[in-house]
């Protein structure tokens, strides 16, 4: 990851509200299929709780459901940071959504509205 990408994502990440969301997430890293749950989500990314987080920079294929919606959201993400759990926070990884289509952005905003009970 380019240092400028890291800086801009970190700065932008702080500007976007994270909402506490506990949803099941299936993800693929290479040929490995894994299951986790989220602890929060924003329009820019999602935090996945994991005892064995992927390394920073790893690309993941994510799939998760919006409550009461039939089709899952399928997106690509990149591990932006890893939490080792030593600070008392949950162990896991911060995933930055990448290459989102307008439809995927709309789905993620819908998820946030659904779980956070907010309006546009």
PDB file of N, CA and C in Angstrom:
ATOM      1  N   UNK A   1       0.848  -1.180   0.000  1.00  0.00           N
ATOM      2  CA  UNK A   1       0.000   0.000   0.000  1.00  0.00           C
ATOM      3  C   UNK A   1       0.886   1.232   0.000  1.00  0.00           C
ATOM      4  N   UNK A   2       0.588   2.176  -0.822  1.00  0.00           N
ATOM      5  CA  UNK A   2       1.318   3.423  -0.903  1.00  0.00           C
ATOM      6  C   UNK A   2       1.145   4.199   0.399  1.00  0.00           C
ATOM      7  N   UNK A   3       2.234   4.801   0.954  1.00  0.00           N
ATOM      8  CA  UNK A   3       2.108   5.570   2.201  1.00  0.00           C
ATOM      9  C   UNK A   3       1.057   6.663   2.122  1.00  0.00           C
ATOM     10  N   UNK A   4       0.901   7.275   0.967  1.00  0.00           N
ATOM     11  CA  UNK A   4      -0.123   8.306   0.814  1.00  0.00           C
ATOM     12  C   UNK A   4      -1.524   7.721   0.946  1.00  0.00           C
ATOM     13  N   UNK A   5      -1.735   6.506   0.412  1.00  0.00           N
ATOM     14  CA  UNK A   5      -3.033   5.845   0.555  1.00  0.00           C
ATOM     15  C   UNK A   5      -3.328   5.599   2.019  1.00  0.00           C
ATOM     16  N   UNK A   6      -2.318   5.147   2.772  1.00  0.00           N
ATOM     17  CA  UNK A   6      -2.503   4.864   4.193  1.00  0.00           C
ATOM     18  C   UNK A   6      -2.859   6.142   4.933  1.00  0.00           C
ATOM     19  N   UNK A   7      -2.122   7.203   4.662  1.00  0.00           N
ATOM     20  CA  UNK A   7      -2.378   8.464   5.338  1.00  0.00           C
ATOM     21  C   UNK A   7      -3.779   8.967   5.032  1.00  0.00           C
ATOM     22  N   UNK A   8      -4.156   9.001   3.778  1.00  0.00           N
ATOM     23  CA  UNK A   8      -5.466   9.540   3.429  1.00  0.00           C
ATOM     24  C   UNK A   8      -6.590   8.667   3.975  1.00  0.00           C
ATOM     25  N   UNK A   9      -6.413   7.353   3.959  1.00  0.00           N
ATOM     26  CA  UNK A   9      -7.452   6.490   4.510  1.00  0.00           C
ATOM     27  C   UNK A   9      -7.572   6.702   6.007  1.00  0.00           C
ATOM     28  N   UNK A  10      -6.449   6.787   6.719  1.00  0.00           N
ATOM     29  CA  UNK A  10      -6.487   7.004   8.162  1.00  0.00           C
ATOM     30  C   UNK A  10      -7.181   8.311   8.499  1.00  0.00           C
ATOM     31  N   UNK A  11      -6.833   9.365   7.762  1.00  0.00           N
ATOM     32  CA  UNK A  11      -7.456  10.654   8.016  1.00  0.00           C
ATOM     33  C   UNK A  11      -8.943  10.615   7.705  1.00  0.00           C
ATOM     34  N   UNK A  12      -9.306  10.045   6.555  1.00  0.00           N
ATOM     35  CA  UNK A  12     -10.701   9.992   6.146  1.00  0.00           C
ATOM     36  C   UNK A  12     -11.498   9.088   7.079  1.00  0.00           C
ATOM     37  N   UNK A  13     -10.882   8.010   7.538  1.00  0.00           N
ATOM     38  CA  UNK A  13     -11.541   7.058   8.420  1.00  0.00           C
ATOM     39  C   UNK A  13     -12.001   7.741   9.700  1.00  0.00           C
ATOM     40  N   UNK A  14     -11.200   8.672  10.202  1.00  0.00           N
ATOM     41  CA  UNK A  14     -11.569   9.382  11.422  1.00  0.00           C
ATOM     42  C   UNK A  14     -12.731  10.334  11.187  1.00  0.00           C
ATOM     43  N   UNK A  15     -12.890  10.788   9.948  1.00  0.00           N
ATOM     44  CA  UNK A  15     -13.959  11.727   9.633  1.00  0.00           C
ATOM     45  C   UNK A  15     -15.299  11.025   9.440  1.00  0.00           C
ATOM     46  N   UNK A  16     -15.300   9.745   9.201  1.00  0.00           N
ATOM     47  CA  UNK A  16     -16.532   8.995   8.966  1.00  0.00           C
ATOM     48  C   UNK A  16     -16.955   8.306  10.255  1.00  0.00           C
ATOM     49  N   UNK A  17     -18.214   8.397  10.563  1.00  0.00           N
ATOM     50  CA  UNK A  17     -18.746   7.793  11.769  1.00  0.00           C
ATOM     51  C   UNK A  17     -18.757   6.286  11.645  1.00  0.00           C
ATOM     52  N   UNK A  18     -18.282   5.633  12.679  1.00  0.00           N
ATOM     53  CA  UNK A  18     -18.362   4.171  12.751  1.00  0.00           C
ATOM     54  C   UNK A  18     -19.563   3.827  13.615  1.00  0.00           C
ATOM     55  N   UNK A  19     -20.305   2.834  13.160  1.00  0.00           N
ATOM     56  CA  UNK A  19     -21.488   2.411  13.901  1.00  0.00           C
ATOM     57  C   UNK A  19     -21.267   1.009  14.431  1.00  0.00           C
ATOM     58  N   UNK A  20     -21.571   0.783  15.702  1.00  0.00           N
ATOM     59  CA  UNK A  20     -21.423  -0.572  16.240  1.00  0.00           C
ATOM     60  C   UNK A  20     -22.421  -1.504  15.564  1.00  0.00           C
ATOM     61  N   UNK A  21     -21.907  -2.503  14.888  1.00  0.00           N
ATOM     62  CA  UNK A  21     -22.745  -3.435  14.137  1.00  0.00           C
ATOM     63  C   UNK A  21     -22.187  -4.833  14.311  1.00  0.00           C
ATOM     64  N   UNK A  22     -23.019  -5.730  14.784  1.00  0.00           N
ATOM     65  CA  UNK A  22     -22.621  -7.130  14.930  1.00  0.00           C
ATOM     66  C   UNK A  22     -23.336  -7.937  13.854  1.00  0.00           C
ATOM     67  N   UNK A  23     -22.628  -8.163  12.752  1.00  0.00           N
ATOM     68  CA  UNK A  23     -23.182  -8.984  11.689  1.00  0.00           C
ATOM     69  C   UNK A  23     -22.184 -10.078  11.332  1.00  0.00           C
ATOM     70  N   UNK A  24     -22.698 -11.177  10.829  1.00  0.00           N
ATOM     71  CA  UNK A  24     -21.852 -12.273  10.374  1.00  0.00           C
ATOM     72  C   UNK A  24     -21.257 -11.910   9.023  1.00  0.00           C
ATOM     73  N   UNK A  25     -19.982 -12.212   8.860  1.00  0.00           N
ATOM     74  CA  UNK A  25     -19.282 -11.903   7.621  1.00  0.00           C
ATOM     75  C   UNK A  25     -18.521 -13.147   7.167  1.00  0.00           C
ATOM     76  N   UNK A  26     -18.771 -13.558   5.942  1.00  0.00           N
ATOM     77  CA  UNK A  26     -17.975 -14.610   5.316  1.00  0.00           C
ATOM     78  C   UNK A  26     -16.935 -13.903   4.461  1.00  0.00           C
ATOM     79  N   UNK A  27     -15.710 -14.403   4.492  1.00  0.00           N
ATOM     80  CA  UNK A  27     -14.709 -13.780   3.644  1.00  0.00           C
ATOM     81  C   UNK A  27     -13.714 -14.799   3.118  1.00  0.00           C
ATOM     82  N   UNK A  28     -13.116 -14.421   2.009  1.00  0.00           N
ATOM     83  CA  UNK A  28     -12.135 -15.288   1.361  1.00  0.00           C
ATOM     84  C   UNK A  28     -10.821 -14.535   1.261  1.00  0.00           C
ATOM     85  N   UNK A  29      -9.760 -15.220   1.647  1.00  0.00           N
ATOM     86  CA  UNK A  29      -8.411 -14.690   1.524  1.00  0.00           C
ATOM     87  C   UNK A  29      -7.620 -15.724   0.741  1.00  0.00           C
ATOM     88  N   UNK A  30      -7.388 -15.429  -0.540  1.00  0.00           N
ATOM     89  CA  UNK A  30      -6.757 -16.425  -1.404  1.00  0.00           C
ATOM     90  C   UNK A  30      -7.695 -17.598  -1.590  1.00  0.00           C
ATOM     91  N   UNK A  31      -7.224 -18.788  -1.284  1.00  0.00           N
ATOM     92  CA  UNK A  31      -8.046 -19.996  -1.398  1.00  0.00           C
ATOM     93  C   UNK A  31      -8.698 -20.393  -0.080  1.00  0.00           C
ATOM     94  N   UNK A  32      -8.562 -19.563   0.937  1.00  0.00           N
ATOM     95  CA  UNK A  32      -9.088 -19.878   2.261  1.00  0.00           C
ATOM     96  C   UNK A  32     -10.401 -19.140   2.493  1.00  0.00           C
ATOM     97  N   UNK A  33     -11.424 -19.872   2.900  1.00  0.00           N
ATOM     98  CA  UNK A  33     -12.731 -19.295   3.230  1.00  0.00           C
ATOM     99  C   UNK A  33     -12.857 -19.250   4.746  1.00  0.00           C
ATOM    100  N   UNK A  34     -13.231 -18.074   5.251  1.00  0.00           N
ATOM    101  CA  UNK A  34     -13.301 -17.871   6.695  1.00  0.00           C
ATOM    102  C   UNK A  34     -14.619 -17.218   7.077  1.00  0.00           C
ATOM    103  N   UNK A  35     -14.898 -17.251   8.375  1.00  0.00           N
ATOM    104  CA  UNK A  35     -16.115 -16.679   8.919  1.00  0.00           C
ATOM    105  C   UNK A  35     -15.711 -15.791  10.094  1.00  0.00           C
ATOM    106  N   UNK A  36     -16.374 -14.661  10.230  1.00  0.00           N
ATOM    107  CA  UNK A  36     -16.116 -13.769  11.341  1.00  0.00           C
ATOM    108  C   UNK A  36     -17.386 -12.992  11.647  1.00  0.00           C
ATOM    109  N   UNK A  37     -17.259 -12.027  12.520  1.00  0.00           N
ATOM    110  CA  UNK A  37     -18.340 -11.084  12.782  1.00  0.00           C
ATOM    111  C   UNK A  37     -17.732  -9.696  12.852  1.00  0.00           C
ATOM    112  N   UNK A  38     -18.544  -8.729  12.564  1.00  0.00           N
ATOM    113  CA  UNK A  38     -18.070  -7.346  12.615  1.00  0.00           C
ATOM    114  C   UNK A  38     -18.279  -6.786  14.015  1.00  0.00           C
ATOM    115  N   UNK A  39     -17.561  -5.714  14.314  1.00  0.00           N
ATOM    116  CA  UNK A  39     -17.850  -4.977  15.540  1.00  0.00           C
ATOM    117  C   UNK A  39     -18.291  -3.561  15.221  1.00  0.00           C
ATOM    118  N   UNK A  40     -17.908  -3.059  14.021  1.00  0.00           N
ATOM    119  CA  UNK A  40     -18.396  -1.750  13.584  1.00  0.00           C
ATOM    120  C   UNK A  40     -18.252  -1.636  12.077  1.00  0.00           C
ATOM    121  N   UNK A  41     -18.981  -0.662  11.524  1.00  0.00           N
ATOM    122  CA  UNK A  41     -18.955  -0.432  10.081  1.00  0.00           C
ATOM    123  C   UNK A  41     -19.110   1.062   9.818  1.00  0.00           C
ATOM    124  N   UNK A  42     -18.504   1.507   8.723  1.00  0.00           N
ATOM    125  CA  UNK A  42     -18.699   2.869   8.228  1.00  0.00           C
ATOM    126  C   UNK A  42     -18.841   2.770   6.716  1.00  0.00           C
ATOM    127  N   UNK A  43     -19.027   3.889   6.069  1.00  0.00           N
ATOM    128  CA  UNK A  43     -19.116   3.871   4.608  1.00  0.00           C
ATOM    129  C   UNK A  43     -17.784   3.495   3.974  1.00  0.00           C
ATOM    130  N   UNK A  44     -16.706   3.589   4.729  1.00  0.00           N
ATOM    131  CA  UNK A  44     -15.373   3.319   4.198  1.00  0.00           C
ATOM    132  C   UNK A  44     -14.860   1.915   4.493  1.00  0.00           C
ATOM    133  N   UNK A  45     -15.425   1.261   5.515  1.00  0.00           N
ATOM    134  CA  UNK A  45     -14.890  -0.044   5.857  1.00  0.00           C
ATOM    135  C   UNK A  45     -15.613  -0.700   7.011  1.00  0.00           C
ATOM    136  N   UNK A  46     -15.028  -1.810   7.447  1.00  0.00           N
ATOM    137  CA  UNK A  46     -15.640  -2.633   8.479  1.00  0.00           C
ATOM    138  C   UNK A  46     -14.530  -3.232   9.334  1.00  0.00           C
ATOM    139  N   UNK A  47     -14.792  -3.392  10.625  1.00  0.00           N
ATOM    140  CA  UNK A  47     -13.828  -4.059  11.498  1.00  0.00           C
ATOM    141  C   UNK A  47     -14.303  -5.480  11.730  1.00  0.00           C
ATOM    142  N   UNK A  48     -13.426  -6.450  11.450  1.00  0.00           N
ATOM    143  CA  UNK A  48     -13.748  -7.853  11.660  1.00  0.00           C
ATOM    144  C   UNK A  48     -12.987  -8.383  12.862  1.00  0.00           C
ATOM    145  N   UNK A  49     -13.714  -8.991  13.775  1.00  0.00           N
ATOM    146  CA  UNK A  49     -13.109  -9.630  14.933  1.00  0.00           C
ATOM    147  C   UNK A  49     -12.477 -10.930  14.462  1.00  0.00           C
ATOM    148  N   UNK A  50     -11.203 -11.143  14.832  1.00  0.00           N
ATOM    149  CA  UNK A  50     -10.510 -12.342  14.385  1.00  0.00           C
ATOM    150  C   UNK A  50      -9.325 -12.635  15.291  1.00  0.00           C
ATOM    151  N   UNK A  51      -9.207 -13.883  15.702  1.00  0.00           N
ATOM    152  CA  UNK A  51      -8.044 -14.304  16.476  1.00  0.00           C
ATOM    153  C   UNK A  51      -6.805 -14.397  15.599  1.00  0.00           C
ATOM    154  N   UNK A  52      -6.997 -14.595  14.297  1.00  0.00           N
ATOM    155  CA  UNK A  52      -5.897 -14.709  13.345  1.00  0.00           C
ATOM    156  C   UNK A  52      -6.122 -13.756  12.173  1.00  0.00           C
ATOM    157  N   UNK A  53      -5.982 -12.450  12.409  1.00  0.00           N
ATOM    158  CA  UNK A  53      -6.236 -11.501  11.325  1.00  0.00           C
ATOM    159  C   UNK A  53      -5.223 -11.655  10.193  1.00  0.00           C
ATOM    160  N   UNK A  54      -5.668 -11.330   8.993  1.00  0.00           N
ATOM    161  CA  UNK A  54      -4.775 -11.318   7.840  1.00  0.00           C
ATOM    162  C   UNK A  54      -3.790 -10.157   8.007  1.00  0.00           C
ATOM    163  N   UNK A  55      -2.726 -10.202   7.270  1.00  0.00           N
ATOM    164  CA  UNK A  55      -1.714  -9.151   7.349  1.00  0.00           C
ATOM    165  C   UNK A  55      -2.192  -7.878   6.669  1.00  0.00           C
ATOM    166  N   UNK A  56      -1.670  -6.771   7.148  1.00  0.00           N
ATOM    167  CA  UNK A  56      -1.970  -5.474   6.554  1.00  0.00           C
ATOM    168  C   UNK A  56      -1.660  -5.526   5.059  1.00  0.00           C
ATOM    169  N   UNK A  57      -2.586  -5.016   4.258  1.00  0.00           N
ATOM    170  CA  UNK A  57      -2.423  -5.002   2.808  1.00  0.00           C
ATOM    171  C   UNK A  57      -3.088  -6.168   2.099  1.00  0.00           C
ATOM    172  N   UNK A  58      -3.469  -7.224   2.838  1.00  0.00           N
ATOM    173  CA  UNK A  58      -4.117  -8.388   2.220  1.00  0.00           C
ATOM    174  C   UNK A  58      -5.473  -7.985   1.652  1.00  0.00           C
ATOM    175  N   UNK A  59      -5.802  -8.522   0.489  1.00  0.00           N
ATOM    176  CA  UNK A  59      -7.114  -8.280  -0.132  1.00  0.00           C
ATOM    177  C   UNK A  59      -8.042  -9.431   0.214  1.00  0.00           C
ATOM    178  N   UNK A  60      -9.271  -9.078   0.570  1.00  0.00           N
ATOM    179  CA  UNK A  60     -10.273 -10.057   0.974  1.00  0.00           C
ATOM    180  C   UNK A  60     -11.547  -9.856   0.162  1.00  0.00           C
ATOM    181  N   UNK A  61     -12.222 -10.945  -0.129  1.00  0.00           N
ATOM    182  CA  UNK A  61     -13.560 -10.891  -0.720  1.00  0.00           C
ATOM    183  C   UNK A  61     -14.542 -11.097   0.432  1.00  0.00           C
ATOM    184  N   UNK A  62     -15.397 -10.115   0.675  1.00  0.00           N
ATOM    185  CA  UNK A  62     -16.321 -10.136   1.816  1.00  0.00           C
ATOM    186  C   UNK A  62     -17.753 -10.338   1.345  1.00  0.00           C
ATOM    187  N   UNK A  63     -18.540 -11.017   2.184  1.00  0.00           N
ATOM    188  CA  UNK A  63     -19.959 -11.171   1.906  1.00  0.00           C
ATOM    189  C   UNK A  63     -20.711 -11.109   3.229  1.00  0.00           C
ATOM    190  N   UNK A  64     -21.714 -10.228   3.288  1.00  0.00           N
ATOM    191  CA  UNK A  64     -22.528 -10.103   4.496  1.00  0.00           C
ATOM    192  C   UNK A  64     -23.927  -9.653   4.118  1.00  0.00           C
ATOM    193  N   UNK A  65     -24.858  -9.854   5.034  1.00  0.00           N
ATOM    194  CA  UNK A  65     -26.267  -9.573   4.777  1.00  0.00           C
ATOM    195  C   UNK A  65     -26.739  -8.333   5.514  1.00  0.00           C
ATOM    196  N   UNK A  66     -27.623  -7.615   4.863  1.00  0.00           N
ATOM    197  CA  UNK A  66     -28.377  -6.561   5.521  1.00  0.00           C
ATOM    198  C   UNK A  66     -29.603  -7.243   6.119  1.00  0.00           C
ATOM    199  N   UNK A  67     -29.914  -6.972   7.379  1.00  0.00           N
ATOM    200  CA  UNK A  67     -31.115  -7.584   7.957  1.00  0.00           C
ATOM    201  C   UNK A  67     -32.346  -7.326   7.097  1.00  0.00           C
ATOM    202  N   UNK A  68     -33.123  -8.358   6.878  1.00  0.00           N
ATOM    203  CA  UNK A  68     -34.384  -8.313   6.134  1.00  0.00           C
ATOM    204  C   UNK A  68     -34.206  -8.071   4.633  1.00  0.00           C
ATOM    205  N   UNK A  69     -32.993  -8.293   4.120  1.00  0.00           N
ATOM    206  CA  UNK A  69     -32.737  -8.173   2.679  1.00  0.00           C
ATOM    207  C   UNK A  69     -32.223  -9.514   2.196  1.00  0.00           C
ATOM    208  N   UNK A  70     -32.798  -9.997   1.113  1.00  0.00           N
ATOM    209  CA  UNK A  70     -32.485 -11.342   0.623  1.00  0.00           C
ATOM    210  C   UNK A  70     -31.044 -11.506   0.141  1.00  0.00           C
ATOM    211  N   UNK A  71     -30.591 -10.641  -0.762  1.00  0.00           N
ATOM    212  CA  UNK A  71     -29.270 -10.808  -1.363  1.00  0.00           C
ATOM    213  C   UNK A  71     -28.170 -10.203  -0.496  1.00  0.00           C
ATOM    214  N   UNK A  72     -27.061 -10.913  -0.345  1.00  0.00           N
ATOM    215  CA  UNK A  72     -25.960 -10.391   0.460  1.00  0.00           C
ATOM    216  C   UNK A  72     -25.203  -9.285  -0.270  1.00  0.00           C
ATOM    217  N   UNK A  73     -24.457  -8.512   0.493  1.00  0.00           N
ATOM    218  CA  UNK A  73     -23.534  -7.532  -0.065  1.00  0.00           C
ATOM    219  C   UNK A  73     -22.218  -8.266  -0.288  1.00  0.00           C
ATOM    220  N   UNK A  74     -21.692  -8.177  -1.483  1.00  0.00           N
ATOM    221  CA  UNK A  74     -20.394  -8.771  -1.806  1.00  0.00           C
ATOM    222  C   UNK A  74     -19.460  -7.649  -2.232  1.00  0.00           C
ATOM    223  N   UNK A  75     -18.364  -7.468  -1.493  1.00  0.00           N
ATOM    224  CA  UNK A  75     -17.422  -6.392  -1.775  1.00  0.00           C
ATOM    225  C   UNK A  75     -15.991  -6.892  -1.624  1.00  0.00           C
ATOM    226  N   UNK A  76     -15.073  -6.109  -2.122  1.00  0.00           N
ATOM    227  CA  UNK A  76     -13.652  -6.373  -1.935  1.00  0.00           C
ATOM    228  C   UNK A  76     -13.139  -5.404  -0.881  1.00  0.00           C
ATOM    229  N   UNK A  77     -12.245  -5.903  -0.049  1.00  0.00           N
ATOM    230  CA  UNK A  77     -11.647  -5.061   0.973  1.00  0.00           C
ATOM    231  C   UNK A  77     -10.157  -5.317   1.082  1.00  0.00           C
ATOM    232  N   UNK A  78      -9.491  -4.369   1.691  1.00  0.00           N
ATOM    233  CA  UNK A  78      -8.059  -4.487   1.929  1.00  0.00           C
ATOM    234  C   UNK A  78      -7.824  -4.259   3.416  1.00  0.00           C
ATOM    235  N   UNK A  79      -6.998  -5.096   4.032  1.00  0.00           N
ATOM    236  CA  UNK A  79      -6.681  -4.927   5.447  1.00  0.00           C
ATOM    237  C   UNK A  79      -5.871  -3.643   5.591  1.00  0.00           C
ATOM    238  N   UNK A  80      -6.459  -2.660   6.263  1.00  0.00           N
ATOM    239  CA  UNK A  80      -5.821  -1.352   6.436  1.00  0.00           C
ATOM    240  C   UNK A  80      -5.008  -1.306   7.726  1.00  0.00           C
ATOM    241  N   UNK A  81      -5.449  -2.039   8.738  1.00  0.00           N
ATOM    242  CA  UNK A  81      -4.743  -2.078  10.013  1.00  0.00           C
ATOM    243  C   UNK A  81      -5.154  -3.317  10.781  1.00  0.00           C
ATOM    244  N   UNK A  82      -4.310  -3.718  11.698  1.00  0.00           N
ATOM    245  CA  UNK A  82      -4.554  -4.911  12.504  1.00  0.00           C
ATOM    246  C   UNK A  82      -4.503  -4.516  13.972  1.00  0.00           C
ATOM    247  N   UNK A  83      -5.473  -4.974  14.731  1.00  0.00           N
ATOM    248  CA  UNK A  83      -5.533  -4.743  16.183  1.00  0.00           C
ATOM    249  C   UNK A  83      -5.108  -6.032  16.869  1.00  0.00           C
ATOM    250  N   UNK A  84      -4.029  -5.964  17.644  1.00  0.00           N
ATOM    251  CA  UNK A  84      -3.512  -7.173  18.297  1.00  0.00           C
ATOM    252  C   UNK A  84      -4.218  -7.509  19.605  1.00  0.00           C
ATOM    253  N   UNK A  85      -5.101  -6.642  20.068  1.00  0.00           N
ATOM    254  CA  UNK A  85      -5.864  -6.911  21.276  1.00  0.00           C
ATOM    255  C   UNK A  85      -5.161  -6.549  22.566  1.00  0.00           C
ATOM    256  N   UNK A  86      -3.919  -6.108  22.508  1.00  0.00           N
ATOM    257  CA  UNK A  86      -3.173  -5.801  23.720  1.00  0.00           C
ATOM    258  C   UNK A  86      -3.638  -4.518  24.386  1.00  0.00           C
ATOM    259  N   UNK A  87      -4.310  -3.660  23.641  1.00  0.00           N
ATOM    260  CA  UNK A  87      -4.796  -2.400  24.208  1.00  0.00           C
ATOM    261  C   UNK A  87      -6.135  -2.577  24.914  1.00  0.00           C
ATOM    262  N   UNK A  88      -6.648  -3.793  24.918  1.00  0.00           N
ATOM    263  CA  UNK A  88      -7.953  -4.050  25.509  1.00  0.00           C
ATOM    264  C   UNK A  88      -9.068  -4.091  24.479  1.00  0.00           C
ATOM    265  N   UNK A  89      -8.769  -3.654  23.272  1.00  0.00           N
ATOM    266  CA  UNK A  89      -9.747  -3.716  22.186  1.00  0.00           C
ATOM    267  C   UNK A  89      -9.837  -5.146  21.664  1.00  0.00           C
ATOM    268  N   UNK A  90     -10.910  -5.438  20.942  1.00  0.00           N
ATOM    269  CA  UNK A  90     -11.041  -6.764  20.346  1.00  0.00           C
ATOM    270  C   UNK A  90      -9.953  -6.982  19.308  1.00  0.00           C
ATOM    271  N   UNK A  91      -9.436  -8.183  19.256  1.00  0.00           N
ATOM    272  CA  UNK A  91      -8.420  -8.552  18.273  1.00  0.00           C
ATOM    273  C   UNK A  91      -9.105  -8.694  16.915  1.00  0.00           C
ATOM    274  N   UNK A  92      -8.478  -8.169  15.871  1.00  0.00           N
ATOM    275  CA  UNK A  92      -9.066  -8.287  14.548  1.00  0.00           C
ATOM    276  C   UNK A  92      -8.395  -7.374  13.552  1.00  0.00           C
ATOM    277  N   UNK A  93      -9.168  -6.999  12.509  1.00  0.00           N
ATOM    278  CA  UNK A  93      -8.590  -6.211  11.425  1.00  0.00           C
ATOM    279  C   UNK A  93      -9.586  -5.197  10.886  1.00  0.00           C
ATOM    280  N   UNK A  94      -9.059  -4.028  10.605  1.00  0.00           N
ATOM    281  CA  UNK A  94      -9.837  -2.977   9.963  1.00  0.00           C
ATOM    282  C   UNK A  94      -9.740  -3.144   8.464  1.00  0.00           C
ATOM    283  N   UNK A  95     -10.882  -3.308   7.819  1.00  0.00           N
ATOM    284  CA  UNK A  95     -10.931  -3.556   6.384  1.00  0.00           C
ATOM    285  C   UNK A  95     -11.424  -2.298   5.678  1.00  0.00           C
ATOM    286  N   UNK A  96     -10.646  -1.826   4.722  1.00  0.00           N
ATOM    287  CA  UNK A  96     -11.051  -0.699   3.889  1.00  0.00           C
ATOM    288  C   UNK A  96     -11.738  -1.262   2.651  1.00  0.00           C
ATOM    289  N   UNK A  97     -12.970  -0.806   2.381  1.00  0.00           N
ATOM    290  CA  UNK A  97     -13.639  -1.221   1.157  1.00  0.00           C
ATOM    291  C   UNK A  97     -12.891  -0.621  -0.031  1.00  0.00           C
ATOM    292  N   UNK A  98     -12.712  -1.410  -1.093  1.00  0.00           N
ATOM    293  CA  UNK A  98     -12.025  -0.919  -2.284  1.00  0.00           C
ATOM    294  C   UNK A  98     -12.872  -1.209  -3.525  1.00  0.00           C
ATOM    295  N   UNK A  99     -12.725  -0.349  -4.505  1.00  0.00           N
ATOM    296  CA  UNK A  99     -13.365  -0.528  -5.803  1.00  0.00           C
ATOM    297  C   UNK A  99     -14.875  -0.727  -5.701  1.00  0.00           C
ATOM    298  N   UNK A 100     -15.524   0.019  -4.812  1.00  0.00           N
ATOM    299  CA  UNK A 100     -16.976  -0.108  -4.667  1.00  0.00           C
ATOM    300  C   UNK A 100     -17.695   0.485  -5.868  1.00  0.00           C
ATOM    301  N   UNK A 101     -18.689  -0.228  -6.332  1.00  0.00           N
ATOM    302  CA  UNK A 101     -19.564   0.309  -7.366  1.00  0.00           C
ATOM    303  C   UNK A 101     -20.584   1.228  -6.691  1.00  0.00           C
ATOM    304  N   UNK A 102     -21.253   2.078  -7.445  1.00  0.00           N
ATOM    305  CA  UNK A 102     -22.309   2.903  -6.845  1.00  0.00           C
ATOM    306  C   UNK A 102     -23.380   2.047  -6.152  1.00  0.00           C
ATOM    307  N   UNK A 103     -23.712   0.897  -6.720  1.00  0.00           N
ATOM    308  CA  UNK A 103     -24.706   0.013  -6.105  1.00  0.00           C
ATOM    309  C   UNK A 103     -24.200  -0.529  -4.765  1.00  0.00           C
ATOM    310  N   UNK A 104     -22.940  -0.913  -4.698  1.00  0.00           N
ATOM    311  CA  UNK A 104     -22.374  -1.413  -3.438  1.00  0.00           C
ATOM    312  C   UNK A 104     -22.353  -0.300  -2.385  1.00  0.00           C
ATOM    313  N   UNK A 105     -22.011   0.915  -2.793  1.00  0.00           N
ATOM    314  CA  UNK A 105     -22.030   2.043  -1.858  1.00  0.00           C
ATOM    315  C   UNK A 105     -23.435   2.244  -1.304  1.00  0.00           C
ATOM    316  N   UNK A 106     -24.410   2.144  -2.172  1.00  0.00           N
ATOM    317  CA  UNK A 106     -25.814   2.288  -1.772  1.00  0.00           C
ATOM    318  C   UNK A 106     -26.196   1.183  -0.780  1.00  0.00           C
ATOM    319  N   UNK A 107     -25.768  -0.038  -1.037  1.00  0.00           N
ATOM    320  CA  UNK A 107     -26.066  -1.160  -0.137  1.00  0.00           C
ATOM    321  C   UNK A 107     -25.442  -0.945   1.240  1.00  0.00           C
ATOM    322  N   UNK A 108     -24.224  -0.453   1.270  1.00  0.00           N
ATOM    323  CA  UNK A 108     -23.553  -0.226   2.555  1.00  0.00           C
ATOM    324  C   UNK A 108     -24.235   0.898   3.319  1.00  0.00           C
ATOM    325  N   UNK A 109     -24.617   1.964   2.628  1.00  0.00           N
ATOM    326  CA  UNK A 109     -25.373   3.033   3.301  1.00  0.00           C
ATOM    327  C   UNK A 109     -26.698   2.500   3.842  1.00  0.00           C
ATOM    328  N   UNK A 110     -27.327   1.602   3.095  1.00  0.00           N
ATOM    329  CA  UNK A 110     -28.580   0.999   3.541  1.00  0.00           C
ATOM    330  C   UNK A 110     -28.354   0.156   4.797  1.00  0.00           C
ATOM    331  N   UNK A 111     -27.276  -0.599   4.810  1.00  0.00           N
ATOM    332  CA  UNK A 111     -26.928  -1.377   6.003  1.00  0.00           C
ATOM    333  C   UNK A 111     -26.761  -0.461   7.199  1.00  0.00           C
ATOM    334  N   UNK A 112     -26.018   0.617   7.017  1.00  0.00           N
ATOM    335  CA  UNK A 112     -25.784   1.550   8.118  1.00  0.00           C
ATOM    336  C   UNK A 112     -27.095   2.158   8.598  1.00  0.00           C
ATOM    337  N   UNK A 113     -27.942   2.590   7.662  1.00  0.00           N
ATOM    338  CA  UNK A 113     -29.249   3.153   8.057  1.00  0.00           C
ATOM    339  C   UNK A 113     -30.082   2.127   8.802  1.00  0.00           C
ATOM    340  N   UNK A 114     -30.036   0.878   8.354  1.00  0.00           N
ATOM    341  CA  UNK A 114     -30.841  -0.165   8.975  1.00  0.00           C
ATOM    342  C   UNK A 114     -30.400  -0.450  10.397  1.00  0.00           C
ATOM    343  N   UNK A 115     -29.108  -0.595  10.595  1.00  0.00           N
ATOM    344  CA  UNK A 115     -28.627  -0.985  11.922  1.00  0.00           C
ATOM    345  C   UNK A 115     -28.451   0.201  12.859  1.00  0.00           C
ATOM    346  N   UNK A 116     -28.251   1.391  12.296  1.00  0.00           N
ATOM    347  CA  UNK A 116     -28.033   2.557  13.143  1.00  0.00           C
ATOM    348  C   UNK A 116     -29.295   3.410  13.291  1.00  0.00           C
ATOM    349  N   UNK A 117     -30.342   3.065  12.556  1.00  0.00           N
ATOM    350  CA  UNK A 117     -31.599   3.794  12.610  1.00  0.00           C
ATOM    351  C   UNK A 117     -31.412   5.280  12.373  1.00  0.00           C
ATOM    352  N   UNK A 118     -30.692   5.611  11.287  1.00  0.00           N
ATOM    353  CA  UNK A 118     -30.476   7.015  10.947  1.00  0.00           C
ATOM    354  C   UNK A 118     -31.104   7.324   9.613  1.00  0.00           C
ATOM    355  N   UNK A 119     -31.260   8.581   9.308  1.00  0.00           N
ATOM    356  CA  UNK A 119     -31.802   9.019   8.022  1.00  0.00           C
ATOM    357  C   UNK A 119     -30.719   9.703   7.229  1.00  0.00           C
ATOM    358  N   UNK A 120     -30.928   9.737   5.897  1.00  0.00           N
ATOM    359  CA  UNK A 120     -30.006  10.497   5.034  1.00  0.00           C
ATOM    360  C   UNK A 120     -30.277  11.969   5.181  1.00  0.00           C
TER     361      UNK A 120
END
